[in-house]
Amino acid sequence: MERLLAMMMVAMIASASAVFAGEEGEERFIQGIISSYGTSSLVLNERQTINIKAETRFFDSSGNDSSMYRLSEYKWLYVEGTPGEDGSIDAEKIYFLPKYISGKERYRYEYMQIP
């Protein structure tokens, strides 16, 4: 049942990503649920590959330093990064979220840049 609920949430937020061009180039922001993960990458929303680099920084939902060891399936994340050549995202920052953050709740998470 939990997996079914997670899958339904993924379908609802499939459009919860955005691409913005800035002074430093193109950046990508995405919120999603972990479908699978490893030491060098993870998959959000069953379709978006996120590459974890040595420079990738991890944070809790309050913006405090955290660790990649908190990764597990079905956890919610917010990722900031740059597009990879293969359509993946090279993560610069990964935030662990308590749940899906709706538009009404985003004011509580100052780092979130999804419109």
PDB file of N, CA and C in Angstrom:
ATOM      1  N   MET A   1       0.820  -1.184   0.000  1.00  0.00           N
ATOM      2  CA  MET A   1       0.000   0.000   0.000  1.00  0.00           C
ATOM      3  C   MET A   1       0.873   1.261   0.000  1.00  0.00           C
ATOM      4  N   GLU A   2       1.936   1.249   0.813  1.00  0.00           N
ATOM      5  CA  GLU A   2       2.827   2.407   0.889  1.00  0.00           C
ATOM      6  C   GLU A   2       3.474   2.689  -0.468  1.00  0.00           C
ATOM      7  N   ARG A   3       3.858   1.633  -1.149  1.00  0.00           N
ATOM      8  CA  ARG A   3       4.474   1.797  -2.474  1.00  0.00           C
ATOM      9  C   ARG A   3       3.465   2.374  -3.463  1.00  0.00           C
ATOM     10  N   LEU A   4       2.217   1.919  -3.408  1.00  0.00           N
ATOM     11  CA  LEU A   4       1.179   2.433  -4.295  1.00  0.00           C
ATOM     12  C   LEU A   4       0.950   3.916  -4.036  1.00  0.00           C
ATOM     13  N   LEU A   5       0.888   4.307  -2.780  1.00  0.00           N
ATOM     14  CA  LEU A   5       0.715   5.714  -2.437  1.00  0.00           C
ATOM     15  C   LEU A   5       1.885   6.543  -2.951  1.00  0.00           C
ATOM     16  N   ALA A   6       3.096   6.028  -2.791  1.00  0.00           N
ATOM     17  CA  ALA A   6       4.278   6.734  -3.284  1.00  0.00           C
ATOM     18  C   ALA A   6       4.216   6.884  -4.795  1.00  0.00           C
ATOM     19  N   MET A   7       3.782   5.861  -5.499  1.00  0.00           N
ATOM     20  CA  MET A   7       3.689   5.921  -6.954  1.00  0.00           C
ATOM     21  C   MET A   7       2.654   6.956  -7.387  1.00  0.00           C
ATOM     22  N   MET A   8       1.550   7.039  -6.664  1.00  0.00           N
ATOM     23  CA  MET A   8       0.518   8.024  -6.990  1.00  0.00           C
ATOM     24  C   MET A   8       1.044   9.435  -6.783  1.00  0.00           C
ATOM     25  N   MET A   9       1.809   9.635  -5.722  1.00  0.00           N
ATOM     26  CA  MET A   9       2.402  10.952  -5.470  1.00  0.00           C
ATOM     27  C   MET A   9       3.392  11.324  -6.568  1.00  0.00           C
ATOM     28  N   VAL A  10       4.160  10.358  -7.040  1.00  0.00           N
ATOM     29  CA  VAL A  10       5.110  10.598  -8.119  1.00  0.00           C
ATOM     30  C   VAL A  10       4.375  11.085  -9.355  1.00  0.00           C
ATOM     31  N   ALA A  11       3.267  10.456  -9.669  1.00  0.00           N
ATOM     32  CA  ALA A  11       2.492  10.863 -10.840  1.00  0.00           C
ATOM     33  C   ALA A  11       1.979  12.289 -10.686  1.00  0.00           C
ATOM     34  N   MET A  12       1.576  12.656  -9.477  1.00  0.00           N
ATOM     35  CA  MET A  12       1.053  14.005  -9.245  1.00  0.00           C
ATOM     36  C   MET A  12       2.122  15.066  -9.367  1.00  0.00           C
ATOM     37  N   ILE A  13       3.357  14.744  -9.024  1.00  0.00           N
ATOM     38  CA  ILE A  13       4.396  15.777  -9.034  1.00  0.00           C
ATOM     39  C   ILE A  13       5.371  15.625 -10.177  1.00  0.00           C
ATOM     40  N   ALA A  14       5.020  14.859 -11.169  1.00  0.00           N
ATOM     41  CA  ALA A  14       5.933  14.642 -12.282  1.00  0.00           C
ATOM     42  C   ALA A  14       6.366  15.950 -12.919  1.00  0.00           C
ATOM     43  N   SER A  15       5.561  16.982 -12.757  1.00  0.00           N
ATOM     44  CA  SER A  15       5.923  18.274 -13.334  1.00  0.00           C
ATOM     45  C   SER A  15       6.577  19.202 -12.309  1.00  0.00           C
ATOM     46  N   ALA A  16       7.019  18.668 -11.187  1.00  0.00           N
ATOM     47  CA  ALA A  16       7.589  19.501 -10.130  1.00  0.00           C
ATOM     48  C   ALA A  16       9.062  19.781 -10.349  1.00  0.00           C
ATOM     49  N   SER A  17       9.476  19.920 -11.567  1.00  0.00           N
ATOM     50  CA  SER A  17      10.851  20.295 -11.849  1.00  0.00           C
ATOM     51  C   SER A  17      10.858  21.501 -12.759  1.00  0.00           C
ATOM     52  N   ALA A  18      11.926  22.225 -12.735  1.00  0.00           N
ATOM     53  CA  ALA A  18      12.025  23.429 -13.557  1.00  0.00           C
ATOM     54  C   ALA A  18      13.457  23.650 -13.963  1.00  0.00           C
ATOM     55  N   VAL A  19      13.655  24.279 -15.094  1.00  0.00           N
ATOM     56  CA  VAL A  19      14.986  24.635 -15.562  1.00  0.00           C
ATOM     57  C   VAL A  19      15.058  26.153 -15.621  1.00  0.00           C
ATOM     58  N   PHE A  20      16.099  26.712 -15.065  1.00  0.00           N
ATOM     59  CA  PHE A  20      16.298  28.144 -15.085  1.00  0.00           C
ATOM     60  C   PHE A  20      17.668  28.455 -15.648  1.00  0.00           C
ATOM     61  N   ALA A  21      17.761  29.477 -16.450  1.00  0.00           N
ATOM     62  CA  ALA A  21      19.064  29.923 -16.944  1.00  0.00           C
ATOM     63  C   ALA A  21      19.491  31.097 -16.077  1.00  0.00           C
ATOM     64  N   GLY A  22      20.702  31.078 -15.630  1.00  0.00           N
ATOM     65  CA  GLY A  22      21.228  32.153 -14.803  1.00  0.00           C
ATOM     66  C   GLY A  22      22.571  32.604 -15.326  1.00  0.00           C
ATOM     67  N   GLU A  23      23.210  33.492 -14.585  1.00  0.00           N
ATOM     68  CA  GLU A  23      24.507  34.008 -14.994  1.00  0.00           C
ATOM     69  C   GLU A  23      25.547  32.909 -15.139  1.00  0.00           C
ATOM     70  N   GLU A  24      25.462  31.905 -14.276  1.00  0.00           N
ATOM     71  CA  GLU A  24      26.450  30.835 -14.284  1.00  0.00           C
ATOM     72  C   GLU A  24      26.052  29.706 -15.230  1.00  0.00           C
ATOM     73  N   GLY A  25      25.005  29.889 -15.997  1.00  0.00           N
ATOM     74  CA  GLY A  25      24.558  28.850 -16.910  1.00  0.00           C
ATOM     75  C   GLY A  25      23.254  28.256 -16.468  1.00  0.00           C
ATOM     76  N   GLU A  26      22.919  27.157 -17.048  1.00  0.00           N
ATOM     77  CA  GLU A  26      21.648  26.510 -16.790  1.00  0.00           C
ATOM     78  C   GLU A  26      21.689  25.751 -15.473  1.00  0.00           C
ATOM     79  N   GLU A  27      20.622  25.897 -14.685  1.00  0.00           N
ATOM     80  CA  GLU A  27      20.511  25.155 -13.435  1.00  0.00           C
ATOM     81  C   GLU A  27      19.209  24.393 -13.455  1.00  0.00           C
ATOM     82  N   ARG A  28      19.186  23.307 -12.723  1.00  0.00           N
ATOM     83  CA  ARG A  28      17.990  22.469 -12.671  1.00  0.00           C
ATOM     84  C   ARG A  28      17.616  22.265 -11.215  1.00  0.00           C
ATOM     85  N   PHE A  29      16.315  22.354 -10.930  1.00  0.00           N
ATOM     86  CA  PHE A  29      15.786  22.178  -9.589  1.00  0.00           C
ATOM     87  C   PHE A  29      14.676  21.148  -9.679  1.00  0.00           C
ATOM     88  N   ILE A  30      14.705  20.162  -8.820  1.00  0.00           N
ATOM     89  CA  ILE A  30      13.669  19.129  -8.860  1.00  0.00           C
ATOM     90  C   ILE A  30      13.379  18.627  -7.455  1.00  0.00           C
ATOM     91  N   GLN A  31      12.113  18.361  -7.213  1.00  0.00           N
ATOM     92  CA  GLN A  31      11.668  17.745  -5.970  1.00  0.00           C
ATOM     93  C   GLN A  31      11.113  16.377  -6.350  1.00  0.00           C
ATOM     94  N   GLY A  32      11.427  15.379  -5.582  1.00  0.00           N
ATOM     95  CA  GLY A  32      10.896  14.072  -5.907  1.00  0.00           C
ATOM     96  C   GLY A  32      11.190  13.038  -4.845  1.00  0.00           C
ATOM     97  N   ILE A  33      10.746  11.835  -5.145  1.00  0.00           N
ATOM     98  CA  ILE A  33      10.902  10.715  -4.222  1.00  0.00           C
ATOM     99  C   ILE A  33      11.916   9.734  -4.818  1.00  0.00           C
ATOM    100  N   ILE A  34      12.776   9.189  -3.982  1.00  0.00           N
ATOM    101  CA  ILE A  34      13.829   8.286  -4.443  1.00  0.00           C
ATOM    102  C   ILE A  34      13.217   6.947  -4.861  1.00  0.00           C
ATOM    103  N   SER A  35      13.446   6.570  -6.114  1.00  0.00           N
ATOM    104  CA  SER A  35      13.011   5.267  -6.619  1.00  0.00           C
ATOM    105  C   SER A  35      14.089   4.220  -6.394  1.00  0.00           C
ATOM    106  N   SER A  36      15.344   4.606  -6.611  1.00  0.00           N
ATOM    107  CA  SER A  36      16.490   3.723  -6.372  1.00  0.00           C
ATOM    108  C   SER A  36      17.719   4.599  -6.177  1.00  0.00           C
ATOM    109  N   TYR A  37      18.765   4.012  -5.566  1.00  0.00           N
ATOM    110  CA  TYR A  37      19.972   4.802  -5.314  1.00  0.00           C
ATOM    111  C   TYR A  37      21.185   3.903  -5.199  1.00  0.00           C
ATOM    112  N   GLY A  38      22.335   4.511  -5.401  1.00  0.00           N
ATOM    113  CA  GLY A  38      23.626   3.857  -5.249  1.00  0.00           C
ATOM    114  C   GLY A  38      24.618   4.880  -4.728  1.00  0.00           C
ATOM    115  N   THR A  39      25.894   4.576  -4.805  1.00  0.00           N
ATOM    116  CA  THR A  39      26.897   5.499  -4.274  1.00  0.00           C
ATOM    117  C   THR A  39      27.213   6.651  -5.223  1.00  0.00           C
ATOM    118  N   SER A  40      26.939   6.474  -6.518  1.00  0.00           N
ATOM    119  CA  SER A  40      27.281   7.534  -7.466  1.00  0.00           C
ATOM    120  C   SER A  40      26.075   8.159  -8.160  1.00  0.00           C
ATOM    121  N   SER A  41      24.874   7.599  -7.929  1.00  0.00           N
ATOM    122  CA  SER A  41      23.679   8.185  -8.541  1.00  0.00           C
ATOM    123  C   SER A  41      22.423   7.683  -7.837  1.00  0.00           C
ATOM    124  N   LEU A  42      21.318   8.355  -8.143  1.00  0.00           N
ATOM    125  CA  LEU A  42      20.021   7.935  -7.652  1.00  0.00           C
ATOM    126  C   LEU A  42      18.991   8.275  -8.714  1.00  0.00           C
ATOM    127  N   VAL A  43      17.812   7.706  -8.579  1.00  0.00           N
ATOM    128  CA  VAL A  43      16.732   7.981  -9.525  1.00  0.00           C
ATOM    129  C   VAL A  43      15.571   8.575  -8.738  1.00  0.00           C
ATOM    130  N   LEU A  44      15.107   9.744  -9.193  1.00  0.00           N
ATOM    131  CA  LEU A  44      13.941  10.392  -8.595  1.00  0.00           C
ATOM    132  C   LEU A  44      12.741  10.187  -9.496  1.00  0.00           C
ATOM    133  N   ASN A  45      11.592   9.990  -8.892  1.00  0.00           N
ATOM    134  CA  ASN A  45      10.326   9.900  -9.616  1.00  0.00           C
ATOM    135  C   ASN A  45      10.359   8.839 -10.710  1.00  0.00           C
ATOM    136  N   GLU A  46      11.140   7.805 -10.522  1.00  0.00           N
ATOM    137  CA  GLU A  46      11.275   6.673 -11.442  1.00  0.00           C
ATOM    138  C   GLU A  46      11.793   7.034 -12.826  1.00  0.00           C
ATOM    139  N   ARG A  47      12.268   8.276 -13.030  1.00  0.00           N
ATOM    140  CA  ARG A  47      12.705   8.627 -14.377  1.00  0.00           C
ATOM    141  C   ARG A  47      13.893   9.576 -14.446  1.00  0.00           C
ATOM    142  N   GLN A  48      14.167  10.335 -13.397  1.00  0.00           N
ATOM    143  CA  GLN A  48      15.225  11.339 -13.459  1.00  0.00           C
ATOM    144  C   GLN A  48      16.471  10.856 -12.720  1.00  0.00           C
ATOM    145  N   THR A  49      17.560  10.659 -13.461  1.00  0.00           N
ATOM    146  CA  THR A  49      18.822  10.246 -12.847  1.00  0.00           C
ATOM    147  C   THR A  49      19.529  11.457 -12.275  1.00  0.00           C
ATOM    148  N   ILE A  50      19.976  11.327 -11.035  1.00  0.00           N
ATOM    149  CA  ILE A  50      20.720  12.368 -10.334  1.00  0.00           C
ATOM    150  C   ILE A  50      22.112  11.799 -10.076  1.00  0.00           C
ATOM    151  N   ASN A  51      23.134  12.469 -10.603  1.00  0.00           N
ATOM    152  CA  ASN A  51      24.520  12.027 -10.388  1.00  0.00           C
ATOM    153  C   ASN A  51      25.055  12.650  -9.108  1.00  0.00           C
ATOM    154  N   ILE A  52      25.641  11.822  -8.266  1.00  0.00           N
ATOM    155  CA  ILE A  52      26.249  12.285  -7.016  1.00  0.00           C
ATOM    156  C   ILE A  52      27.748  12.382  -7.257  1.00  0.00           C
ATOM    157  N   LYS A  53      28.279  13.573  -7.112  1.00  0.00           N
ATOM    158  CA  LYS A  53      29.699  13.843  -7.325  1.00  0.00           C
ATOM    159  C   LYS A  53      30.392  14.016  -5.970  1.00  0.00           C
ATOM    160  N   ALA A  54      31.708  14.050  -5.978  1.00  0.00           N
ATOM    161  CA  ALA A  54      32.467  14.278  -4.742  1.00  0.00           C
ATOM    162  C   ALA A  54      32.125  15.654  -4.156  1.00  0.00           C
ATOM    163  N   GLU A  55      31.748  16.599  -5.020  1.00  0.00           N
ATOM    164  CA  GLU A  55      31.435  17.966  -4.580  1.00  0.00           C
ATOM    165  C   GLU A  55      29.996  18.122  -4.092  1.00  0.00           C
ATOM    166  N   THR A  56      29.163  17.126  -4.313  1.00  0.00           N
ATOM    167  CA  THR A  56      27.755  17.225  -3.921  1.00  0.00           C
ATOM    168  C   THR A  56      27.651  17.388  -2.413  1.00  0.00           C
ATOM    169  N   ARG A  57      26.848  18.383  -2.002  1.00  0.00           N
ATOM    170  CA  ARG A  57      26.642  18.628  -0.568  1.00  0.00           C
ATOM    171  C   ARG A  57      25.234  18.194  -0.184  1.00  0.00           C
ATOM    172  N   PHE A  58      25.093  17.647   1.009  1.00  0.00           N
ATOM    173  CA  PHE A  58      23.813  17.158   1.507  1.00  0.00           C
ATOM    174  C   PHE A  58      23.368  18.010   2.690  1.00  0.00           C
ATOM    175  N   PHE A  59      22.048  18.266   2.750  1.00  0.00           N
ATOM    176  CA  PHE A  59      21.474  19.095   3.802  1.00  0.00           C
ATOM    177  C   PHE A  59      20.172  18.473   4.297  1.00  0.00           C
ATOM    178  N   ASP A  60      19.819  18.754   5.549  1.00  0.00           N
ATOM    179  CA  ASP A  60      18.499  18.348   6.033  1.00  0.00           C
ATOM    180  C   ASP A  60      17.485  19.399   5.577  1.00  0.00           C
ATOM    181  N   SER A  61      16.238  19.240   5.938  1.00  0.00           N
ATOM    182  CA  SER A  61      15.199  20.150   5.457  1.00  0.00           C
ATOM    183  C   SER A  61      15.329  21.565   6.017  1.00  0.00           C
ATOM    184  N   SER A  62      16.103  21.733   7.079  1.00  0.00           N
ATOM    185  CA  SER A  62      16.337  23.066   7.652  1.00  0.00           C
ATOM    186  C   SER A  62      17.542  23.755   7.038  1.00  0.00           C
ATOM    187  N   GLY A  63      18.260  23.065   6.160  1.00  0.00           N
ATOM    188  CA  GLY A  63      19.437  23.647   5.530  1.00  0.00           C
ATOM    189  C   GLY A  63      20.729  23.370   6.273  1.00  0.00           C
ATOM    190  N   ASN A  64      20.682  22.527   7.304  1.00  0.00           N
ATOM    191  CA  ASN A  64      21.883  22.142   8.050  1.00  0.00           C
ATOM    192  C   ASN A  64      22.609  21.018   7.319  1.00  0.00           C
ATOM    193  N   ASP A  65      23.937  20.967   7.460  1.00  0.00           N
ATOM    194  CA  ASP A  65      24.723  19.902   6.821  1.00  0.00           C
ATOM    195  C   ASP A  65      24.190  18.531   7.213  1.00  0.00           C
ATOM    196  N   SER A  66      24.207  17.633   6.245  1.00  0.00           N
ATOM    197  CA  SER A  66      23.769  16.260   6.459  1.00  0.00           C
ATOM    198  C   SER A  66      24.729  15.334   5.720  1.00  0.00           C
ATOM    199  N   SER A  67      24.320  14.100   5.491  1.00  0.00           N
ATOM    200  CA  SER A  67      25.198  13.103   4.891  1.00  0.00           C
ATOM    201  C   SER A  67      24.446  12.264   3.865  1.00  0.00           C
ATOM    202  N   MET A  68      25.180  11.780   2.871  1.00  0.00           N
ATOM    203  CA  MET A  68      24.562  10.911   1.872  1.00  0.00           C
ATOM    204  C   MET A  68      24.104   9.588   2.476  1.00  0.00           C
ATOM    205  N   TYR A  69      24.565   9.271   3.669  1.00  0.00           N
ATOM    206  CA  TYR A  69      24.182   8.018   4.310  1.00  0.00           C
ATOM    207  C   TYR A  69      22.716   8.009   4.737  1.00  0.00           C
ATOM    208  N   ARG A  70      22.050   9.136   4.620  1.00  0.00           N
ATOM    209  CA  ARG A  70      20.620   9.203   4.917  1.00  0.00           C
ATOM    210  C   ARG A  70      19.772   8.772   3.726  1.00  0.00           C
ATOM    211  N   LEU A  71      20.404   8.538   2.570  1.00  0.00           N
ATOM    212  CA  LEU A  71      19.656   8.127   1.383  1.00  0.00           C
ATOM    213  C   LEU A  71      18.987   6.781   1.626  1.00  0.00           C
ATOM    214  N   SER A  72      17.729   6.683   1.225  1.00  0.00           N
ATOM    215  CA  SER A  72      17.008   5.416   1.238  1.00  0.00           C
ATOM    216  C   SER A  72      15.808   5.547   0.307  1.00  0.00           C
ATOM    217  N   GLU A  73      15.313   4.436  -0.163  1.00  0.00           N
ATOM    218  CA  GLU A  73      14.169   4.466  -1.067  1.00  0.00           C
ATOM    219  C   GLU A  73      12.983   5.136  -0.401  1.00  0.00           C
ATOM    220  N   TYR A  74      12.200   5.817  -1.222  1.00  0.00           N
ATOM    221  CA  TYR A  74      10.962   6.490  -0.838  1.00  0.00           C
ATOM    222  C   TYR A  74      11.176   7.725   0.041  1.00  0.00           C
ATOM    223  N   LYS A  75      12.395   8.220   0.148  1.00  0.00           N
ATOM    224  CA  LYS A  75      12.627   9.495   0.835  1.00  0.00           C
ATOM    225  C   LYS A  75      12.407  10.621  -0.158  1.00  0.00           C
ATOM    226  N   TRP A  76      11.892  11.731   0.335  1.00  0.00           N
ATOM    227  CA  TRP A  76      11.689  12.909  -0.496  1.00  0.00           C
ATOM    228  C   TRP A  76      12.942  13.756  -0.505  1.00  0.00           C
ATOM    229  N   LEU A  77      13.300  14.268  -1.696  1.00  0.00           N
ATOM    230  CA  LEU A  77      14.481  15.109  -1.860  1.00  0.00           C
ATOM    231  C   LEU A  77      14.148  16.345  -2.667  1.00  0.00           C
ATOM    232  N   TYR A  78      14.943  17.374  -2.473  1.00  0.00           N
ATOM    233  CA  TYR A  78      14.964  18.541  -3.341  1.00  0.00           C
ATOM    234  C   TYR A  78      16.405  18.640  -3.826  1.00  0.00           C
ATOM    235  N   VAL A  79      16.599  18.711  -5.147  1.00  0.00           N
ATOM    236  CA  VAL A  79      17.940  18.676  -5.732  1.00  0.00           C
ATOM    237  C   VAL A  79      18.179  19.929  -6.561  1.00  0.00           C
ATOM    238  N   GLU A  80      19.369  20.513  -6.404  1.00  0.00           N
ATOM    239  CA  GLU A  80      19.840  21.615  -7.238  1.00  0.00           C
ATOM    240  C   GLU A  80      21.061  21.107  -7.979  1.00  0.00           C
ATOM    241  N   GLY A  81      21.117  21.360  -9.274  1.00  0.00           N
ATOM    242  CA  GLY A  81      22.275  20.901 -10.031  1.00  0.00           C
ATOM    243  C   GLY A  81      22.273  21.424 -11.443  1.00  0.00           C
ATOM    244  N   THR A  82      23.155  20.865 -12.247  1.00  0.00           N
ATOM    245  CA  THR A  82      23.280  21.256 -13.648  1.00  0.00           C
ATOM    246  C   THR A  82      22.991  20.046 -14.528  1.00  0.00           C
ATOM    247  N   PRO A  83      22.440  20.295 -15.709  1.00  0.00           N
ATOM    248  CA  PRO A  83      22.131  19.179 -16.595  1.00  0.00           C
ATOM    249  C   PRO A  83      23.390  18.467 -17.073  1.00  0.00           C
ATOM    250  N   GLY A  84      23.359  17.141 -17.047  1.00  0.00           N
ATOM    251  CA  GLY A  84      24.441  16.345 -17.601  1.00  0.00           C
ATOM    252  C   GLY A  84      24.207  16.168 -19.090  1.00  0.00           C
ATOM    253  N   GLU A  85      25.193  15.679 -19.793  1.00  0.00           N
ATOM    254  CA  GLU A  85      25.093  15.505 -21.242  1.00  0.00           C
ATOM    255  C   GLU A  85      24.028  14.496 -21.635  1.00  0.00           C
ATOM    256  N   ASP A  86      23.733  13.533 -20.766  1.00  0.00           N
ATOM    257  CA  ASP A  86      22.791  12.466 -21.086  1.00  0.00           C
ATOM    258  C   ASP A  86      21.374  12.716 -20.556  1.00  0.00           C
ATOM    259  N   GLY A  87      21.081  13.947 -20.117  1.00  0.00           N
ATOM    260  CA  GLY A  87      19.763  14.259 -19.583  1.00  0.00           C
ATOM    261  C   GLY A  87      19.661  14.090 -18.073  1.00  0.00           C
ATOM    262  N   SER A  88      20.714  13.601 -17.466  1.00  0.00           N
ATOM    263  CA  SER A  88      20.735  13.456 -16.015  1.00  0.00           C
ATOM    264  C   SER A  88      21.008  14.827 -15.386  1.00  0.00           C
ATOM    265  N   ILE A  89      21.017  14.869 -14.070  1.00  0.00           N
ATOM    266  CA  ILE A  89      21.352  16.098 -13.344  1.00  0.00           C
ATOM    267  C   ILE A  89      22.570  15.812 -12.490  1.00  0.00           C
ATOM    268  N   ASP A  90      23.597  16.656 -12.613  1.00  0.00           N
ATOM    269  CA  ASP A  90      24.776  16.572 -11.750  1.00  0.00           C
ATOM    270  C   ASP A  90      24.464  17.384 -10.499  1.00  0.00           C
ATOM    271  N   ALA A  91      24.207  16.703  -9.394  1.00  0.00           N
ATOM    272  CA  ALA A  91      23.755  17.361  -8.167  1.00  0.00           C
ATOM    273  C   ALA A  91      24.852  18.207  -7.539  1.00  0.00           C
ATOM    274  N   GLU A  92      24.505  19.421  -7.205  1.00  0.00           N
ATOM    275  CA  GLU A  92      25.378  20.298  -6.428  1.00  0.00           C
ATOM    276  C   GLU A  92      24.943  20.276  -4.961  1.00  0.00           C
ATOM    277  N   LYS A  93      23.612  20.330  -4.747  1.00  0.00           N
ATOM    278  CA  LYS A  93      23.058  20.299  -3.397  1.00  0.00           C
ATOM    279  C   LYS A  93      21.854  19.359  -3.387  1.00  0.00           C
ATOM    280  N   ILE A  94      21.776  18.557  -2.331  1.00  0.00           N
ATOM    281  CA  ILE A  94      20.636  17.670  -2.124  1.00  0.00           C
ATOM    282  C   ILE A  94      20.099  17.915  -0.721  1.00  0.00           C
ATOM    283  N   TYR A  95      18.800  18.197  -0.640  1.00  0.00           N
ATOM    284  CA  TYR A  95      18.125  18.440   0.636  1.00  0.00           C
ATOM    285  C   TYR A  95      17.170  17.288   0.921  1.00  0.00           C
ATOM    286  N   PHE A  96      17.207  16.744   2.134  1.00  0.00           N
ATOM    287  CA  PHE A  96      16.267  15.716   2.565  1.00  0.00           C
ATOM    288  C   PHE A  96      15.013  16.417   3.062  1.00  0.00           C
ATOM    289  N   LEU A  97      13.862  16.048   2.520  1.00  0.00           N
ATOM    290  CA  LEU A  97      12.592  16.663   2.887  1.00  0.00           C
ATOM    291  C   LEU A  97      11.757  15.707   3.725  1.00  0.00           C
ATOM    292  N   PRO A  98      10.883  16.239   4.588  1.00  0.00           N
ATOM    293  CA  PRO A  98      10.029  15.363   5.395  1.00  0.00           C
ATOM    294  C   PRO A  98       8.889  14.740   4.586  1.00  0.00           C
ATOM    295  N   LYS A  99       8.524  15.382   3.459  1.00  0.00           N
ATOM    296  CA  LYS A  99       7.407  14.938   2.622  1.00  0.00           C
ATOM    297  C   LYS A  99       7.415  15.781   1.355  1.00  0.00           C
ATOM    298  N   TYR A 100       6.426  15.595   0.492  1.00  0.00           N
ATOM    299  CA  TYR A 100       6.261  16.465  -0.665  1.00  0.00           C
ATOM    300  C   TYR A 100       5.921  17.862  -0.155  1.00  0.00           C
ATOM    301  N   ILE A 101       6.590  18.874  -0.690  1.00  0.00           N
ATOM    302  CA  ILE A 101       6.363  20.255  -0.265  1.00  0.00           C
ATOM    303  C   ILE A 101       5.529  20.946  -1.341  1.00  0.00           C
ATOM    304  N   SER A 102       4.296  21.280  -0.995  1.00  0.00           N
ATOM    305  CA  SER A 102       3.389  21.923  -1.944  1.00  0.00           C
ATOM    306  C   SER A 102       3.751  23.403  -2.098  1.00  0.00           C
ATOM    307  N   GLY A 103       3.173  24.030  -3.083  1.00  0.00           N
ATOM    308  CA  GLY A 103       3.409  25.458  -3.316  1.00  0.00           C
ATOM    309  C   GLY A 103       3.075  26.316  -2.109  1.00  0.00           C
ATOM    310  N   LYS A 104       2.040  25.934  -1.370  1.00  0.00           N
ATOM    311  CA  LYS A 104       1.637  26.702  -0.182  1.00  0.00           C
ATOM    312  C   LYS A 104       2.650  26.593   0.951  1.00  0.00           C
ATOM    313  N   GLU A 105       3.432  25.522   0.951  1.00  0.00           N
ATOM    314  CA  GLU A 105       4.387  25.280   2.044  1.00  0.00           C
ATOM    315  C   GLU A 105       5.801  25.745   1.730  1.00  0.00           C
ATOM    316  N   ARG A 106       6.070  26.118   0.500  1.00  0.00           N
ATOM    317  CA  ARG A 106       7.447  26.421   0.091  1.00  0.00           C
ATOM    318  C   ARG A 106       8.066  27.590   0.835  1.00  0.00           C
ATOM    319  N   TYR A 107       7.263  28.489   1.364  1.00  0.00           N
ATOM    320  CA  TYR A 107       7.815  29.622   2.108  1.00  0.00           C
ATOM    321  C   TYR A 107       8.612  29.156   3.322  1.00  0.00           C
ATOM    322  N   ARG A 108       8.347  27.951   3.808  1.00  0.00           N
ATOM    323  CA  ARG A 108       9.077  27.402   4.960  1.00  0.00           C
ATOM    324  C   ARG A 108      10.478  26.913   4.588  1.00  0.00           C
ATOM    325  N   TYR A 109      10.723  26.769   3.285  1.00  0.00           N
ATOM    326  CA  TYR A 109      11.984  26.214   2.804  1.00  0.00           C
ATOM    327  C   TYR A 109      12.607  27.238   1.850  1.00  0.00           C
ATOM    328  N   GLU A 110      13.340  28.171   2.411  1.00  0.00           N
ATOM    329  CA  GLU A 110      13.876  29.305   1.640  1.00  0.00           C
ATOM    330  C   GLU A 110      14.739  28.907   0.457  1.00  0.00           C
ATOM    331  N   TYR A 111      15.362  27.758   0.510  1.00  0.00           N
ATOM    332  CA  TYR A 111      16.250  27.313  -0.564  1.00  0.00           C
ATOM    333  C   TYR A 111      15.491  26.815  -1.794  1.00  0.00           C
ATOM    334  N   MET A 112      14.214  26.500  -1.668  1.00  0.00           N
ATOM    335  CA  MET A 112      13.463  25.928  -2.789  1.00  0.00           C
ATOM    336  C   MET A 112      13.205  26.982  -3.855  1.00  0.00           C
ATOM    337  N   GLN A 113      13.614  26.684  -5.089  1.00  0.00           N
ATOM    338  CA  GLN A 113      13.478  27.627  -6.189  1.00  0.00           C
ATOM    339  C   GLN A 113      12.508  27.151  -7.250  1.00  0.00           C
ATOM    340  N   ILE A 114      11.721  26.136  -6.940  1.00  0.00           N
ATOM    341  CA  ILE A 114      10.741  25.652  -7.906  1.00  0.00           C
ATOM    342  C   ILE A 114       9.574  26.631  -7.910  1.00  0.00           C
ATOM    343  N   PRO A 115       9.161  27.089  -9.077  1.00  0.00           N
ATOM    344  CA  PRO A 115       8.043  28.059  -9.132  1.00  0.00           C
ATOM    345  C   PRO A 115       6.734  27.448  -8.682  1.00  0.00           C
TER     346      PRO A 115
END
